[in-house]
């Protein structure tokens, strides 16, 4: 009885590890989509009503999307704590610090950090051009993440189950 329970626990633990790896891939897709939506929002507001950037960040900090709320809420907190620092500094450091929590990946993190170099510094036309470039690069990251999820998502789940069965067979 104890052997069967141990075997079940081992298979369950390995399956959970495989599912966690698959979930991380799925999370990256969700976060990249949220960041693309945030960039689209920034573009629309800068292009249309010319809303000031701190107000836009505040609106994103209160977004319905939890990933946008997490990133931009933290950014607003940091801006309130250290108002003397530039928006670019707060943007870049917040993205850097939350990239692991948000499962952004190194390339998407670099893309979002690069956006800090132009937001709030140039005229609206230049900011829009840079936001379009950022959106194109983020879309590329999202497509790569989709492809990785499609290719490896089921493999991670299946390998977790197979690894658990293999370990049980080795221990018997």
Protein backbone atom coordinates (compact mmCIF):
# COMPACT_ATOMS: atom_id res chain seq x y z
CA UNK A 1 0.00 0.00 0.00
CA UNK A 2 2.78 2.43 0.92
CA UNK A 3 4.65 1.55 -2.27
CA UNK A 4 1.62 2.40 -4.40
CA UNK A 5 1.10 5.67 -2.52
CA UNK A 6 4.79 6.57 -2.97
CA UNK A 7 4.60 5.77 -6.68
CA UNK A 8 1.50 7.91 -7.04
CA UNK A 9 3.17 10.81 -5.24
CA UNK A 10 6.27 10.59 -7.45
CA UNK A 11 4.24 10.51 -10.66
CA UNK A 12 2.08 13.36 -9.38
CA UNK A 13 5.09 15.50 -8.46
CA UNK A 14 6.77 14.98 -11.83
CA UNK A 15 3.52 15.68 -13.67
CA UNK A 16 3.14 18.89 -11.68
CA UNK A 17 6.65 19.98 -12.68
CA UNK A 18 5.82 19.37 -16.34
CA UNK A 19 2.54 21.26 -16.03
CA UNK A 20 4.32 24.16 -14.30
CA UNK A 21 6.78 24.45 -17.19
CA UNK A 22 3.86 24.45 -19.63
CA UNK A 23 2.05 27.04 -17.52
CA UNK A 24 5.08 29.31 -17.60
CA UNK A 25 5.00 29.28 -21.40
CA UNK A 26 1.29 30.09 -21.34
CA UNK A 27 1.85 32.89 -18.83
CA UNK A 28 4.46 34.48 -21.10
CA UNK A 29 1.87 34.60 -23.89
CA UNK A 30 -0.68 36.23 -21.62
CA UNK A 31 1.77 38.86 -20.36
CA UNK A 32 3.06 39.67 -23.86
CA UNK A 33 -0.51 40.19 -25.04
CA UNK A 34 -1.14 42.49 -22.07
CA UNK A 35 1.99 44.51 -22.85
CA UNK A 36 0.97 44.79 -26.50
CA UNK A 37 -2.43 46.10 -25.36
CA UNK A 38 -0.68 48.61 -23.07
CA UNK A 39 1.52 49.85 -25.93
CA UNK A 40 -1.55 50.16 -28.17
CA UNK A 41 -3.29 52.16 -25.43
CA UNK A 42 -0.28 54.47 -25.08
CA UNK A 43 -0.16 54.99 -28.85
CA UNK A 44 -3.86 55.80 -29.06
CA UNK A 45 -3.73 58.27 -26.18
CA UNK A 46 -0.58 60.03 -27.36
CA UNK A 47 -1.89 60.22 -30.91
CA UNK A 48 -5.41 61.33 -30.02
CA UNK A 49 -6.11 63.40 -26.92
CA UNK A 50 -2.39 63.92 -26.09
CA UNK A 51 -2.91 62.73 -22.52
CA UNK A 52 0.17 63.34 -20.33
CA UNK A 53 2.25 60.21 -19.80
CA UNK A 54 1.95 60.12 -15.97
CA UNK A 55 -1.84 60.12 -16.36
CA UNK A 56 -1.61 57.27 -18.86
CA UNK A 57 0.55 55.25 -16.51
CA UNK A 58 -1.94 55.89 -13.73
CA UNK A 59 -4.77 54.61 -15.92
CA UNK A 60 -2.74 51.50 -16.79
CA UNK A 61 -2.01 51.03 -13.07
CA UNK A 62 -5.78 50.78 -12.56
CA UNK A 63 -6.41 48.60 -15.60
CA UNK A 64 -8.71 45.58 -15.55
CA UNK A 65 -5.76 43.50 -16.72
CA UNK A 66 -3.83 42.13 -13.71
CA UNK A 67 -0.48 42.07 -15.53
CA UNK A 68 -0.81 45.71 -16.54
CA UNK A 69 -1.88 46.60 -13.01
CA UNK A 70 1.14 44.79 -11.58
CA UNK A 71 3.73 46.42 -13.83
CA UNK A 72 2.33 49.93 -14.09
CA UNK A 73 1.10 49.98 -10.48
CA UNK A 74 4.62 49.23 -9.30
CA UNK A 75 5.95 51.87 -11.68
CA UNK A 76 3.57 54.49 -10.24
CA UNK A 77 4.56 53.54 -6.67
CA UNK A 78 8.21 54.02 -7.53
CA UNK A 79 7.46 57.35 -9.20
CA UNK A 80 5.63 58.52 -6.09
CA UNK A 81 8.48 57.39 -3.78
CA UNK A 82 11.25 58.96 -5.87
CA UNK A 83 9.74 61.84 -7.87
CA UNK A 84 13.17 63.26 -8.72
CA UNK A 85 14.07 60.28 -10.90
CA UNK A 86 13.13 60.26 -14.57
CA UNK A 87 10.20 58.36 -16.02
CA UNK A 88 12.67 56.39 -18.13
CA UNK A 89 14.55 55.26 -15.04
CA UNK A 90 11.36 54.12 -13.28
CA UNK A 91 10.09 52.38 -16.43
CA UNK A 92 13.35 50.54 -17.09
CA UNK A 93 14.03 49.49 -13.51
CA UNK A 94 10.45 48.30 -12.95
CA UNK A 95 10.48 46.18 -16.10
CA UNK A 96 13.87 44.75 -15.12
CA UNK A 97 12.78 43.94 -11.57
CA UNK A 98 9.44 42.36 -12.52
CA UNK A 99 10.52 40.51 -15.65
CA UNK A 100 10.90 37.17 -13.84
CA UNK A 101 7.59 37.53 -11.98
CA UNK A 102 5.84 38.34 -15.24
CA UNK A 103 7.68 35.61 -17.23
CA UNK A 104 8.60 38.13 -19.92
CA UNK A 105 11.77 36.47 -21.10
CA UNK A 106 15.02 38.28 -21.91
CA UNK A 107 14.07 39.56 -25.36
CA UNK A 108 10.71 41.06 -24.34
CA UNK A 109 12.34 42.57 -21.26
CA UNK A 110 14.94 44.25 -23.47
CA UNK A 111 12.23 45.54 -25.82
CA UNK A 112 10.22 47.08 -22.97
CA UNK A 113 13.34 48.53 -21.34
CA UNK A 114 14.33 50.10 -24.68
CA UNK A 115 10.99 51.91 -24.67
CA UNK A 116 12.14 53.87 -21.63
CA UNK A 117 14.67 55.71 -23.79
CA UNK A 118 12.07 57.70 -25.72
CA UNK A 119 8.83 57.87 -23.72
CA UNK A 120 8.21 61.39 -22.50
CA UNK A 121 11.40 62.75 -24.04
CA UNK A 122 10.52 63.60 -27.63
CA UNK A 123 7.60 65.06 -29.50
CA UNK A 124 4.44 63.00 -29.99
CA UNK A 125 5.34 61.95 -33.55
CA UNK A 126 8.69 60.49 -32.52
CA UNK A 127 7.14 58.75 -29.53
CA UNK A 128 4.49 57.21 -31.78
CA UNK A 129 7.14 55.96 -34.22
CA UNK A 130 9.06 54.38 -31.36
CA UNK A 131 5.89 52.86 -29.88
CA UNK A 132 5.09 51.32 -33.28
CA UNK A 133 8.59 49.85 -33.36
CA UNK A 134 8.18 48.56 -29.81
CA UNK A 135 4.82 47.00 -30.69
CA UNK A 136 6.33 45.27 -33.74
CA UNK A 137 9.17 43.85 -31.64
CA UNK A 138 6.76 42.73 -28.90
CA UNK A 139 4.55 41.08 -31.51
CA UNK A 140 7.60 39.20 -32.76
CA UNK A 141 8.29 38.05 -29.20
CA UNK A 142 4.66 36.98 -28.84
CA UNK A 143 4.77 34.99 -32.07
CA UNK A 144 7.95 33.25 -30.94
CA UNK A 145 6.32 32.45 -27.60
CA UNK A 146 3.25 31.07 -29.43
CA UNK A 147 5.47 28.86 -31.52
CA UNK A 148 7.39 27.68 -28.45
CA UNK A 149 4.13 26.93 -26.64
CA UNK A 150 2.80 25.04 -29.65
CA UNK A 151 5.97 22.97 -29.99
CA UNK A 152 6.92 22.42 -26.37
CA UNK A 153 3.77 22.86 -24.27
CA UNK A 154 2.50 19.30 -24.63
CA UNK A 155 6.04 17.92 -24.51
CA UNK A 156 6.57 19.40 -21.05
CA UNK A 157 3.36 17.88 -19.76
CA UNK A 158 4.04 14.48 -21.31
CA UNK A 159 7.68 14.44 -20.20
CA UNK A 160 6.62 15.18 -16.64
CA UNK A 161 4.34 12.16 -16.62
CA UNK A 162 6.94 9.99 -18.35
CA UNK A 163 9.69 11.08 -15.95
CA UNK A 164 7.49 10.19 -12.99
CA UNK A 165 6.75 6.74 -14.39
CA UNK A 166 10.44 6.24 -15.16
CA UNK A 167 11.48 7.15 -11.62
CA UNK A 168 8.88 4.78 -10.17
CA UNK A 169 10.07 1.95 -12.41
CA UNK A 170 13.67 2.61 -11.39
CA UNK A 171 12.76 2.49 -7.70
CA UNK A 172 10.76 -0.74 -7.95
